[in-house]
Every structure is written in C-alpha cells, then in structure tokens.
C-alpha atoms as a PDB file:
ATOM      1  CA  MET A   1     -14.499   0.270  -5.074  1.00  0.00           C
ATOM      2  CA  ASN A   2     -14.021   1.616  -1.588  1.00  0.00           C
ATOM      3  CA  VAL A   3     -10.882   2.931   0.105  1.00  0.00           C
ATOM      4  CA  ASP A   4     -10.102  -0.360   1.847  1.00  0.00           C
ATOM      5  CA  LYS A   5     -10.060  -2.372  -1.368  1.00  0.00           C
ATOM      6  CA  ALA A   6      -8.073   0.324  -3.179  1.00  0.00           C
ATOM      7  CA  VAL A   7      -5.426   0.350  -0.435  1.00  0.00           C
ATOM      8  CA  LEU A   8      -5.113  -3.437  -0.542  1.00  0.00           C
ATOM      9  CA  ALA A   9      -4.862  -3.435  -4.337  1.00  0.00           C
ATOM     10  CA  PHE A  10      -2.255  -0.674  -4.288  1.00  0.00           C
ATOM     11  CA  ALA A  11      -0.207  -2.420  -1.581  1.00  0.00           C
ATOM     12  CA  GLY A  12      -0.293  -5.662  -3.548  1.00  0.00           C
ATOM     13  CA  PHE A  13       0.835  -3.835  -6.681  1.00  0.00           C
ATOM     14  CA  VAL A  14       3.723  -2.156  -4.838  1.00  0.00           C
ATOM     15  CA  VAL A  15       4.869  -5.470  -3.352  1.00  0.00           C
ATOM     16  CA  LEU A  16       4.800  -7.226  -6.729  1.00  0.00           C
ATOM     17  CA  LEU A  17       6.512  -4.285  -8.420  1.00  0.00           C
ATOM     18  CA  GLY A  18       9.261  -4.276  -5.785  1.00  0.00           C
ATOM     19  CA  LEU A  19       9.795  -8.000  -6.204  1.00  0.00           C
ATOM     20  CA  ALA A  20       9.965  -7.755  -9.999  1.00  0.00           C
ATOM     21  CA  LEU A  21      12.339  -4.787  -9.956  1.00  0.00           C
ATOM     22  CA  GLY A  22      14.484  -6.434  -7.302  1.00  0.00           C
ATOM     23  CA  THR A  23      14.752  -9.574  -9.400  1.00  0.00           C
ATOM     24  CA  TYR A  24      15.374  -8.008 -12.802  1.00  0.00           C
ATOM     25  CA  VAL A  25      16.922  -4.582 -12.117  1.00  0.00           C
ATOM     26  CA  ASN A  26      18.707  -4.211  -8.792  1.00  0.00           C
ATOM     27  CA  ALA A  27      18.445  -5.910  -5.394  1.00  0.00           C
ATOM     28  CA  TYR A  28      17.958  -2.535  -3.703  1.00  0.00           C
ATOM     29  CA  TRP A  29      14.394  -2.507  -5.075  1.00  0.00           C
ATOM     30  CA  TYR A  30      13.552  -5.109  -2.418  1.00  0.00           C
ATOM     31  CA  LEU A  31      13.589  -2.167  -0.013  1.00  0.00           C
ATOM     32  CA  LEU A  32      10.375  -0.981  -1.694  1.00  0.00           C
ATOM     33  CA  THR A  33       8.746  -4.282  -0.764  1.00  0.00           C
ATOM     34  CA  ALA A  34      10.044  -3.942   2.802  1.00  0.00           C
ATOM     35  CA  PHE A  35       8.684  -0.389   3.008  1.00  0.00           C
ATOM     36  CA  ALA A  36       5.263  -1.525   1.798  1.00  0.00           C
ATOM     37  CA  GLY A  37       5.205  -4.308   4.378  1.00  0.00           C
ATOM     38  CA  LEU A  38       6.237  -1.999   7.202  1.00  0.00           C
ATOM     39  CA  ASN A  39       3.613   0.541   6.150  1.00  0.00           C
ATOM     40  CA  MET A  40       0.895  -2.135   6.143  1.00  0.00           C
ATOM     41  CA  LEU A  41       2.011  -3.307   9.582  1.00  0.00           C
ATOM     42  CA  GLN A  42       1.966   0.169  11.123  1.00  0.00           C
ATOM     43  CA  ALA A  43      -1.389   0.957   9.473  1.00  0.00           C
ATOM     44  CA  SER A  44      -2.894  -2.133  11.088  1.00  0.00           C
ATOM     45  CA  PHE A  45      -1.959  -0.803  14.535  1.00  0.00           C
ATOM     46  CA  THR A  46      -2.426   2.948  14.098  1.00  0.00           C
ATOM     47  CA  GLY A  47      -5.111   3.198  11.403  1.00  0.00           C
ATOM     48  CA  PHE A  48      -3.015   5.832   9.621  1.00  0.00           C
ATOM     49  CA  CYS A  49      -2.342   5.133   5.945  1.00  0.00           C
ATOM     50  CA  PRO A  50      -1.157   7.823   3.510  1.00  0.00           C
ATOM     51  CA  ALA A  51      -2.565   5.880   0.544  1.00  0.00           C
ATOM     52  CA  ALA A  52      -6.015   5.854   2.173  1.00  0.00           C
ATOM     53  CA  ILE A  53      -5.895   9.639   2.501  1.00  0.00           C
ATOM     54  CA  VAL A  54      -5.016   9.997  -1.181  1.00  0.00           C
ATOM     55  CA  PHE A  55      -7.776   7.616  -2.268  1.00  0.00           C
ATOM     56  CA  LYS A  56     -10.320   9.507  -0.138  1.00  0.00           C
ATOM     57  CA  LYS A  57      -9.287  12.778  -1.791  1.00  0.00           C
ATOM     58  CA  LEU A  58      -9.725  11.107  -5.174  1.00  0.00           C
ATOM     59  CA  GLY A  59     -13.358  10.495  -4.259  1.00  0.00           C
ATOM     60  CA  LEU A  60     -13.502   6.845  -3.216  1.00  0.00           C
ATOM     61  CA  ARG A  61     -15.997   6.059  -0.492  1.00  0.00           C
ATOM     62  CA  GLY A  62     -14.792   5.066   2.937  1.00  0.00           C
ATOM     63  CA  GLY A  63     -14.588   1.505   4.163  1.00  0.00           C
ATOM     64  CA  CYS A  64     -14.438  -0.283   7.503  1.00  0.00           C
ATOM     65  CA  ALA A  65     -10.696  -0.053   8.079  1.00  0.00           C
ATOM     66  CA  PHE A  66     -10.055   3.447   6.780  1.00  0.00           C
ATOM     67  CA  SER A  67     -13.207   5.442   7.405  1.00  0.00           C
END
C-alpha cells in the first residue's frame, strides 16, 4: 500500500466513523465528517496533508498525489 491509498482509506474511515457517531451518539460528531471533507478539499488544492506525512513516517512508499 502506498501513501495515496492509505490517505484515501483513512479519510473514508473517518467519514464513516463521523457519520456513525453522529447518528448514534451525538449530532456534534458530524463536525468530524465536515473536518475530514474540508481537509480533503484543501489537500487537493495545496498538496499538504497531515495524514500523508504520518503515513510516510510510518514507512509507506510515496504515491502520485503525496510524493
């Protein structure tokens, strides 16, 4: 797995987690989903993604988007 796929998988997990927690725990958890979406949007324009940095430090190989 490369960094790009790991970032997409992590973002998908965070979105689903935020939706589940917002539905079953408290509506404020929907803010987690909004944060994940905003982070994905800004990463598409700037190329900066904190999750990509963490995954690189964990030893995953670079990809096309986050090299």
